[in-house]
C-alpha atoms as a PDB file:
ATOM      1  CA  MET A   1       0.246   0.033   0.037  1.00  0.00           C
ATOM      2  CA  ASP A   2       2.968   2.121   1.023  1.00  0.00           C
ATOM      3  CA  SER A   3       4.480   1.140  -2.478  1.00  0.00           C
ATOM      4  CA  LEU A   4       1.436   2.211  -4.319  1.00  0.00           C
ATOM      5  CA  LEU A   5       1.105   5.537  -2.222  1.00  0.00           C
ATOM      6  CA  THR A   6       5.095   6.641  -3.078  1.00  0.00           C
ATOM      7  CA  PHE A   7       4.625   5.016  -6.556  1.00  0.00           C
ATOM      8  CA  GLY A   8       0.863   7.784  -6.779  1.00  0.00           C
ATOM      9  CA  SER A   9       3.266  10.856  -5.395  1.00  0.00           C
ATOM     10  CA  CYS A  10       5.724  10.464  -7.996  1.00  0.00           C
ATOM     11  CA  ALA A  11       4.567  10.288 -10.885  1.00  0.00           C
ATOM     12  CA  PHE A  12       2.013  13.445  -9.289  1.00  0.00           C
ATOM     13  CA  VAL A  13       5.513  15.540  -8.877  1.00  0.00           C
ATOM     14  CA  GLY A  14       6.296  14.200 -12.409  1.00  0.00           C
ATOM     15  CA  ILE A  15       3.197  15.479 -13.737  1.00  0.00           C
ATOM     16  CA  LEU A  16       3.633  18.784 -11.510  1.00  0.00           C
ATOM     17  CA  LEU A  17       7.471  19.049 -13.479  1.00  0.00           C
ATOM     18  CA  VAL A  18       6.244  18.275 -16.812  1.00  0.00           C
ATOM     19  CA  VAL A  19       2.888  21.241 -16.696  1.00  0.00           C
ATOM     20  CA  LEU A  20       5.501  23.427 -14.603  1.00  0.00           C
ATOM     21  CA  VAL A  21       7.852  22.585 -17.768  1.00  0.00           C
ATOM     22  CA  LEU A  22       5.336  23.071 -20.352  1.00  0.00           C
ATOM     23  CA  ILE A  23       4.319  26.709 -19.024  1.00  0.00           C
ATOM     24  CA  LEU A  24       7.830  27.713 -18.400  1.00  0.00           C
ATOM     25  CA  ARG A  25       8.192  27.346 -21.824  1.00  0.00           C
ATOM     26  CA  GLY A  26       5.238  28.912 -23.220  1.00  0.00           C
ATOM     27  CA  ILE A  27       5.983  32.350 -21.574  1.00  0.00           C
ATOM     28  CA  ARG A  28       6.446  34.702 -24.217  1.00  0.00           C
ATOM     29  CA  LEU A  29       8.281  38.603 -24.270  1.00  0.00           C
ATOM     30  CA  LEU A  30       6.610  40.841 -26.656  1.00  0.00           C
ATOM     31  CA  TYR A  31       8.363  44.721 -26.452  1.00  0.00           C
ATOM     32  CA  GLU A  32       6.620  47.650 -27.152  1.00  0.00           C
ATOM     33  CA  TYR A  33       6.747  47.553 -30.811  1.00  0.00           C
ATOM     34  CA  GLU A  34       5.857  43.874 -31.232  1.00  0.00           C
ATOM     35  CA  ARG A  35       2.902  41.694 -31.732  1.00  0.00           C
ATOM     36  CA  GLY A  36       1.788  38.240 -31.943  1.00  0.00           C
ATOM     37  CA  VAL A  37      -0.116  36.260 -33.897  1.00  0.00           C
ATOM     38  CA  ILE A  38      -1.300  33.525 -32.594  1.00  0.00           C
ATOM     39  CA  PHE A  39      -2.313  30.439 -34.067  1.00  0.00           C
ATOM     40  CA  THR A  40      -4.193  27.267 -32.673  1.00  0.00           C
ATOM     41  CA  LEU A  41      -3.835  24.229 -34.396  1.00  0.00           C
ATOM     42  CA  GLY A  42      -2.699  25.845 -37.456  1.00  0.00           C
ATOM     43  CA  LYS A  43      -6.013  28.319 -37.235  1.00  0.00           C
ATOM     44  CA  TYR A  44      -5.440  31.936 -36.362  1.00  0.00           C
ATOM     45  CA  THR A  45      -7.607  32.815 -33.392  1.00  0.00           C
ATOM     46  CA  SER A  46      -5.829  35.919 -31.599  1.00  0.00           C
ATOM     47  CA  THR A  47      -3.506  38.956 -31.973  1.00  0.00           C
ATOM     48  CA  ARG A  48      -1.530  39.585 -28.624  1.00  0.00           C
ATOM     49  CA  LYS A  49      -0.438  42.599 -27.553  1.00  0.00           C
ATOM     50  CA  PRO A  50       2.725  44.092 -25.527  1.00  0.00           C
ATOM     51  CA  GLY A  51       4.043  42.375 -22.673  1.00  0.00           C
ATOM     52  CA  LEU A  52       4.227  38.942 -20.693  1.00  0.00           C
ATOM     53  CA  THR A  53       1.490  36.031 -22.724  1.00  0.00           C
ATOM     54  CA  ILE A  54       1.204  32.333 -22.608  1.00  0.00           C
ATOM     55  CA  VAL A  55       1.460  30.198 -25.656  1.00  0.00           C
ATOM     56  CA  ILE A  56       0.896  26.550 -25.356  1.00  0.00           C
ATOM     57  CA  PRO A  57       3.009  24.219 -26.491  1.00  0.00           C
ATOM     58  CA  VAL A  58       2.641  22.133 -29.665  1.00  0.00           C
ATOM     59  CA  TYR A  59      -1.400  23.414 -29.422  1.00  0.00           C
ATOM     60  CA  GLN A  60      -0.343  26.755 -30.243  1.00  0.00           C
ATOM     61  CA  LYS A  61       2.455  28.907 -32.173  1.00  0.00           C
ATOM     62  CA  MET A  62       3.166  32.648 -32.110  1.00  0.00           C
ATOM     63  CA  GLN A  63       4.701  34.483 -35.077  1.00  0.00           C
ATOM     64  CA  LYS A  64       6.172  37.884 -33.476  1.00  0.00           C
ATOM     65  CA  VAL A  65       5.507  40.887 -36.296  1.00  0.00           C
ATOM     66  CA  ASP A  66       7.660  43.929 -35.900  1.00  0.00           C
ATOM     67  CA  MET A  67       5.136  47.335 -36.509  1.00  0.00           C
ATOM     68  CA  ARG A  68       8.205  49.306 -36.535  1.00  0.00           C
ATOM     69  CA  ILE A  69       8.562  51.443 -40.155  1.00  0.00           C
ATOM     70  CA  LYS A  70      10.862  49.659 -42.011  1.00  0.00           C
ATOM     71  CA  THR A  71      13.229  50.357 -45.370  1.00  0.00           C
ATOM     72  CA  ALA A  72      13.010  48.196 -48.212  1.00  0.00           C
ATOM     73  CA  GLU A  73      15.935  49.607 -50.845  1.00  0.00           C
ATOM     74  CA  VAL A  74      14.775  49.774 -54.718  1.00  0.00           C
ATOM     75  CA  PRO A  75      18.050  48.142 -56.431  1.00  0.00           C
ATOM     76  CA  ARG A  76      18.899  50.535 -59.415  1.00  0.00           C
ATOM     77  CA  GLN A  77      17.525  49.899 -62.607  1.00  0.00           C
ATOM     78  CA  GLU A  78      17.312  51.241 -65.981  1.00  0.00           C
ATOM     79  CA  VAL A  79      14.710  52.313 -67.511  1.00  0.00           C
ATOM     80  CA  MET A  80      13.252  53.941 -70.587  1.00  0.00           C
ATOM     81  CA  THR A  81      11.540  57.336 -70.158  1.00  0.00           C
ATOM     82  CA  ARG A  82       8.498  57.733 -73.009  1.00  0.00           C
ATOM     83  CA  ASP A  83      11.041  60.396 -74.764  1.00  0.00           C
ATOM     84  CA  ASN A  84      12.998  57.099 -74.880  1.00  0.00           C
ATOM     85  CA  ILE A  85      16.178  58.317 -73.242  1.00  0.00           C
ATOM     86  CA  PRO A  86      17.786  55.376 -70.911  1.00  0.00           C
ATOM     87  CA  MET A  87      18.009  56.250 -67.301  1.00  0.00           C
ATOM     88  CA  LEU A  88      19.226  54.935 -64.173  1.00  0.00           C
ATOM     89  CA  VAL A  89      16.861  55.082 -61.128  1.00  0.00           C
ATOM     90  CA  ASN A  90      17.131  53.506 -57.708  1.00  0.00           C
ATOM     91  CA  ALA A  91      14.308  54.277 -54.783  1.00  0.00           C
ATOM     92  CA  VAL A  92      14.136  53.954 -51.036  1.00  0.00           C
ATOM     93  CA  VAL A  93      10.537  52.773 -49.948  1.00  0.00           C
ATOM     94  CA  TYR A  94       9.393  53.511 -46.001  1.00  0.00           C
ATOM     95  CA  PHE A  95       6.512  51.683 -44.405  1.00  0.00           C
ATOM     96  CA  LYS A  96       5.437  49.604 -41.890  1.00  0.00           C
ATOM     97  CA  VAL A  97       2.952  46.763 -41.491  1.00  0.00           C
ATOM     98  CA  VAL A  98      -0.800  47.969 -39.391  1.00  0.00           C
ATOM     99  CA  GLN A  99      -2.656  44.669 -39.367  1.00  0.00           C
ATOM    100  CA  PRO A 100      -0.141  41.904 -38.354  1.00  0.00           C
ATOM    101  CA  ALA A 101      -2.096  38.724 -38.812  1.00  0.00           C
ATOM    102  CA  ALA A 102      -3.086  39.803 -42.203  1.00  0.00           C
ATOM    103  CA  ALA A 103       1.184  40.674 -43.095  1.00  0.00           C
ATOM    104  CA  ILE A 104       1.773  36.680 -41.593  1.00  0.00           C
ATOM    105  CA  ILE A 105      -1.691  35.216 -43.263  1.00  0.00           C
ATOM    106  CA  LYS A 106      -1.946  37.321 -47.197  1.00  0.00           C
ATOM    107  CA  ILE A 107       1.455  37.723 -47.851  1.00  0.00           C
ATOM    108  CA  GLU A 108       4.634  35.207 -47.981  1.00  0.00           C
ATOM    109  CA  ASP A 109       7.429  37.897 -47.288  1.00  0.00           C
ATOM    110  CA  TYR A 110       5.602  41.415 -47.325  1.00  0.00           C
ATOM    111  CA  VAL A 111       9.331  43.289 -47.421  1.00  0.00           C
ATOM    112  CA  PHE A 112      10.396  41.195 -50.359  1.00  0.00           C
ATOM    113  CA  ALA A 113       7.046  41.918 -52.276  1.00  0.00           C
ATOM    114  CA  ILE A 114       7.129  45.569 -51.660  1.00  0.00           C
ATOM    115  CA  ARG A 115      10.241  45.397 -53.353  1.00  0.00           C
ATOM    116  CA  GLN A 116       9.696  44.334 -56.347  1.00  0.00           C
ATOM    117  CA  TYR A 117       6.269  45.639 -56.293  1.00  0.00           C
ATOM    118  CA  THR A 118       7.277  49.166 -56.043  1.00  0.00           C
ATOM    119  CA  GLN A 119      10.211  48.126 -58.989  1.00  0.00           C
ATOM    120  CA  ALA A 120       7.560  47.911 -60.973  1.00  0.00           C
ATOM    121  CA  ALA A 121       5.579  50.313 -60.051  1.00  0.00           C
ATOM    122  CA  LEU A 122       8.492  52.526 -60.662  1.00  0.00           C
ATOM    123  CA  ARG A 123       9.090  51.494 -64.392  1.00  0.00           C
ATOM    124  CA  ASP A 124       5.865  52.197 -65.540  1.00  0.00           C
ATOM    125  CA  VAL A 125       5.493  55.066 -63.562  1.00  0.00           C
ATOM    126  CA  ILE A 126       9.097  56.306 -65.263  1.00  0.00           C
ATOM    127  CA  GLY A 127       7.963  55.560 -68.287  1.00  0.00           C
ATOM    128  CA  ASN A 128       4.634  57.231 -68.897  1.00  0.00           C
ATOM    129  CA  SER A 129       6.802  60.554 -68.147  1.00  0.00           C
ATOM    130  CA  GLU A 130       9.298  62.141 -70.096  1.00  0.00           C
ATOM    131  CA  MET A 131      13.258  63.647 -69.291  1.00  0.00           C
ATOM    132  CA  ASP A 132      12.346  66.227 -67.808  1.00  0.00           C
ATOM    133  CA  ALA A 133       9.208  65.889 -65.740  1.00  0.00           C
ATOM    134  CA  VAL A 134      11.523  62.891 -64.106  1.00  0.00           C
ATOM    135  CA  LEU A 135      14.453  65.176 -63.825  1.00  0.00           C
ATOM    136  CA  THR A 136      12.539  67.873 -62.392  1.00  0.00           C
ATOM    137  CA  GLU A 137       9.058  66.519 -60.597  1.00  0.00           C
ATOM    138  CA  ARG A 138      10.687  63.652 -58.408  1.00  0.00           C
ATOM    139  CA  GLU A 139       8.125  64.480 -55.837  1.00  0.00           C
ATOM    140  CA  HIS A 140       5.556  64.430 -57.984  1.00  0.00           C
ATOM    141  CA  ILE A 141       6.840  61.517 -59.488  1.00  0.00           C
ATOM    142  CA  ALA A 142       7.905  59.604 -55.655  1.00  0.00           C
ATOM    143  CA  GLN A 143       4.206  60.466 -54.922  1.00  0.00           C
ATOM    144  CA  SER A 144       2.533  58.662 -58.285  1.00  0.00           C
ATOM    145  CA  ILE A 145       4.642  55.592 -57.236  1.00  0.00           C
ATOM    146  CA  LYS A 146       3.642  55.519 -53.506  1.00  0.00           C
ATOM    147  CA  GLU A 147      -0.150  55.556 -54.584  1.00  0.00           C
ATOM    148  CA  ILE A 148       0.277  52.526 -57.074  1.00  0.00           C
ATOM    149  CA  VAL A 149       2.295  50.652 -54.492  1.00  0.00           C
ATOM    150  CA  ASP A 150      -0.115  51.542 -50.740  1.00  0.00           C
ATOM    151  CA  SER A 151      -3.206  50.591 -52.271  1.00  0.00           C
ATOM    152  CA  GLU A 152      -1.547  47.105 -53.525  1.00  0.00           C
ATOM    153  CA  THR A 153      -0.348  46.723 -49.926  1.00  0.00           C
ATOM    154  CA  GLU A 154      -3.065  48.160 -47.991  1.00  0.00           C
ATOM    155  CA  GLY A 155      -4.717  44.523 -48.943  1.00  0.00           C
ATOM    156  CA  TRP A 156      -1.666  43.268 -47.063  1.00  0.00           C
ATOM    157  CA  GLY A 157      -2.132  45.308 -43.660  1.00  0.00           C
ATOM    158  CA  ILE A 158       0.675  47.362 -44.361  1.00  0.00           C
ATOM    159  CA  ASP A 159       1.059  51.315 -44.932  1.00  0.00           C
ATOM    160  CA  VAL A 160       3.600  52.937 -46.511  1.00  0.00           C
ATOM    161  CA  GLU A 161       4.985  56.049 -44.820  1.00  0.00           C
ATOM    162  CA  SER A 162       6.741  57.660 -48.342  1.00  0.00           C
ATOM    163  CA  ILE A 163       8.732  56.492 -51.459  1.00  0.00           C
ATOM    164  CA  LYS A 164      12.036  58.690 -52.075  1.00  0.00           C
ATOM    165  CA  ILE A 165      14.246  58.723 -55.433  1.00  0.00           C
ATOM    166  CA  GLN A 166      17.222  58.202 -54.828  1.00  0.00           C
ATOM    167  CA  GLU A 167      19.363  58.828 -57.712  1.00  0.00           C
ATOM    168  CA  VAL A 168      18.624  59.567 -60.998  1.00  0.00           C
ATOM    169  CA  GLU A 169      21.857  58.742 -63.930  1.00  0.00           C
ATOM    170  CA  LEU A 170      21.560  59.873 -67.219  1.00  0.00           C
ATOM    171  CA  PRO A 171      23.787  58.650 -70.594  1.00  0.00           C
ATOM    172  CA  ALA A 172      26.880  60.318 -70.336  1.00  0.00           C
ATOM    173  CA  GLU A 173      26.394  61.554 -74.444  1.00  0.00           C
ATOM    174  CA  MET A 174      22.910  63.465 -72.606  1.00  0.00           C
ATOM    175  CA  LYS A 175      24.841  65.236 -69.460  1.00  0.00           C
ATOM    176  CA  ARG A 176      27.529  66.790 -72.037  1.00  0.00           C
ATOM    177  CA  ALA A 177      24.133  67.935 -74.443  1.00  0.00           C
ATOM    178  CA  MET A 178      22.257  69.413 -71.023  1.00  0.00           C
ATOM    179  CA  ALA A 179      25.883  71.176 -70.257  1.00  0.00           C
ATOM    180  CA  GLN A 180      26.674  72.293 -73.831  1.00  0.00           C
ATOM    181  CA  GLN A 181      22.793  73.817 -73.683  1.00  0.00           C
ATOM    182  CA  ALA A 182      22.832  75.268 -70.015  1.00  0.00           C
ATOM    183  CA  GLU A 183      26.053  77.363 -71.266  1.00  0.00           C
ATOM    184  CA  ALA A 184      24.645  79.105 -73.662  1.00  0.00           C
ATOM    185  CA  GLU A 185      21.764  79.566 -72.616  1.00  0.00           C
ATOM    186  CA  ARG A 186      24.387  81.384 -69.801  1.00  0.00           C
ATOM    187  CA  GLU A 187      25.719  83.071 -72.870  1.00  0.00           C
ATOM    188  CA  ARG A 188      22.419  83.879 -74.249  1.00  0.00           C
ATOM    189  CA  ARG A 189      21.723  85.860 -70.888  1.00  0.00           C
ATOM    190  CA  ALA A 190      24.759  87.495 -70.085  1.00  0.00           C
ATOM    191  CA  VAL A 191      24.053  88.588 -73.805  1.00  0.00           C
ATOM    192  CA  VAL A 192      20.464  90.046 -72.926  1.00  0.00           C
ATOM    193  CA  ILE A 193      22.062  91.930 -69.360  1.00  0.00           C
ATOM    194  CA  THR A 194      24.812  93.717 -71.485  1.00  0.00           C
ATOM    195  CA  ALA A 195      22.496  94.852 -74.265  1.00  0.00           C
ATOM    196  CA  GLN A 196      19.989  96.169 -71.338  1.00  0.00           C
ATOM    197  CA  GLY A 197      23.229  97.395 -69.019  1.00  0.00           C
ATOM    198  CA  GLU A 198      23.910  99.649 -72.465  1.00  0.00           C
ATOM    199  CA  LEU A 199      20.546 100.868 -72.858  1.00  0.00           C
ATOM    200  CA  GLU A 200      19.935 101.897 -69.557  1.00  0.00           C
ATOM    201  CA  ALA A 201      23.531 103.865 -69.902  1.00  0.00           C
ATOM    202  CA  SER A 202      22.412 105.535 -73.442  1.00  0.00           C
ATOM    203  CA  LYS A 203      18.832 106.496 -71.532  1.00  0.00           C
ATOM    204  CA  ASN A 204      21.001 108.507 -68.424  1.00  0.00           C
ATOM    205  CA  LEU A 205      24.050 110.022 -70.913  1.00  0.00           C
ATOM    206  CA  GLN A 206      20.990 110.683 -73.413  1.00  0.00           C
ATOM    207  CA  GLU A 207      19.147 112.672 -70.656  1.00  0.00           C
ATOM    208  CA  ALA A 208      22.366 114.202 -69.094  1.00  0.00           C
ATOM    209  CA  ALA A 209      22.932 115.999 -72.525  1.00  0.00           C
ATOM    210  CA  GLU A 210      19.733 117.106 -72.969  1.00  0.00           C
ATOM    211  CA  ASN A 211      19.942 118.709 -69.078  1.00  0.00           C
ATOM    212  CA  LEU A 212      22.947 120.359 -70.047  1.00  0.00           C
ATOM    213  CA  ALA A 213      21.824 121.360 -73.199  1.00  0.00           C
ATOM    214  CA  SER A 214      18.905 123.214 -71.761  1.00  0.00           C
ATOM    215  CA  THR A 215      20.429 125.243 -69.008  1.00  0.00           C
ATOM    216  CA  PRO A 216      23.186 128.159 -71.166  1.00  0.00           C
ATOM    217  CA  GLY A 217      26.883 127.827 -69.457  1.00  0.00           C
ATOM    218  CA  ALA A 218      25.792 124.437 -67.799  1.00  0.00           C
ATOM    219  CA  MET A 219      28.535 122.623 -70.237  1.00  0.00           C
ATOM    220  CA  HIS A 220      30.742 125.059 -69.614  1.00  0.00           C
ATOM    221  CA  LEU A 221      30.476 124.453 -66.012  1.00  0.00           C
ATOM    222  CA  ARG A 222      31.083 120.339 -66.524  1.00  0.00           C
ATOM    223  CA  THR A 223      33.512 120.951 -68.765  1.00  0.00           C
ATOM    224  CA  LEU A 224      36.054 122.695 -65.902  1.00  0.00           C
ATOM    225  CA  GLN A 225      34.816 120.484 -63.680  1.00  0.00           C
ATOM    226  CA  THR A 226      36.605 117.688 -66.198  1.00  0.00           C
ATOM    227  CA  ILE A 227      39.508 119.843 -66.771  1.00  0.00           C
ATOM    228  CA  ARG A 228      40.347 120.406 -62.733  1.00  0.00           C
ATOM    229  CA  ALA A 229      39.684 116.621 -62.208  1.00  0.00           C
ATOM    230  CA  ILE A 230      42.442 116.128 -65.007  1.00  0.00           C
ATOM    231  CA  ALA A 231      44.464 118.275 -63.480  1.00  0.00           C
ATOM    232  CA  ALA A 232      45.280 117.414 -60.579  1.00  0.00           C
ATOM    233  CA  ASP A 233      47.467 114.350 -61.390  1.00  0.00           C
ATOM    234  CA  PRO A 234      50.985 116.652 -62.770  1.00  0.00           C
ATOM    235  CA  SER A 235      51.640 113.919 -65.100  1.00  0.00           C
ATOM    236  CA  GLU A 236      49.118 114.549 -67.290  1.00  0.00           C
ATOM    237  CA  LYS A 237      48.957 117.217 -70.823  1.00  0.00           C
ATOM    238  CA  ILE A 238      45.995 119.153 -70.817  1.00  0.00           C
ATOM    239  CA  VAL A 239      44.481 121.090 -74.437  1.00  0.00           C
ATOM    240  CA  LEU A 240      41.851 122.918 -74.174  1.00  0.00           C
ATOM    241  CA  PHE A 241      39.472 122.904 -77.397  1.00  0.00           C
ATOM    242  CA  ILE A 242      37.717 126.612 -77.395  1.00  0.00           C
ATOM    243  CA  PRO A 243      34.648 127.153 -78.833  1.00  0.00           C
ATOM    244  CA  SER A 244      33.789 129.391 -81.516  1.00  0.00           C
ATOM    245  CA  ASP A 245      31.987 131.733 -80.120  1.00  0.00           C
ATOM    246  CA  LEU A 246      33.894 132.841 -77.450  1.00  0.00           C
ATOM    247  CA  GLY A 247      36.713 132.476 -80.100  1.00  0.00           C
ATOM    248  CA  ASN A 248      34.686 135.263 -82.133  1.00  0.00           C
ATOM    249  CA  VAL A 249      33.828 137.675 -78.075  1.00  0.00           C
ATOM    250  CA  ALA A 250      37.811 137.760 -77.719  1.00  0.00           C
ATOM    251  CA  LYS A 251      38.697 138.646 -80.981  1.00  0.00           C
ATOM    252  CA  SER A 252      36.194 141.103 -80.679  1.00  0.00           C
ATOM    253  CA  LEU A 253      37.006 142.339 -77.334  1.00  0.00           C
ATOM    254  CA  ILE A 254      40.970 142.810 -78.491  1.00  0.00           C
ATOM    255  CA  ASP A 255      39.956 145.132 -81.760  1.00  0.00           C
ATOM    256  CA  GLY A 256      38.258 147.008 -78.728  1.00  0.00           C
ATOM    257  CA  GLN A 257      41.318 147.694 -77.104  1.00  0.00           C
ATOM    258  CA  LYS A 258      43.095 148.533 -80.140  1.00  0.00           C
END
């Protein structure tokens, strides 16, 4: 009888130990940025929130999902624009999981899927745009790609935060042609600015000449000011041109004295 009791006690203790080990093995810790998707006998049953949670071994399985914003780089690829200009383009996608269960159940690898879908959308959008639009309207191009990708990934439980086009590289011959065009444009602007300056200067000279001509003695005063400015340097030679009327006045004065 005592042996049976001893055996029963040992069995009970053994069962308790097994249960305790199973409970300890079933304890899971979820951080604030994580969610736990629970499958019971292969069927989705719930999504656990951050903190300590218990998963029954063998009977249940939990997959953790990171809810933080992730980045997926779209590798550089050659894309042909609508005006048949090849260019190398790469981009970065910023996204996060908003529905953990959908991200696990509906798509096998959502990071790889987003990268591939963004690459295809990038080809489509740039292929329908001209080169000038791609170079000058990157934000608009990126927004169009985001709308396409976001509409598809919404069913996967993914929210695309933004898409940034990092680099757009043109062929070498196209770069040279654009550099020549920019140089010609700078020269054209320089010629226009010079012509405008000369026009303004000629207008000012015309106004100054009209003012001097309309004021008696103004031209003589201006001449004297010029002579005085030149005479400040002793090394300069001064040649005076006397107006004809002033010469006649001087001659008449000399004749009168005689």
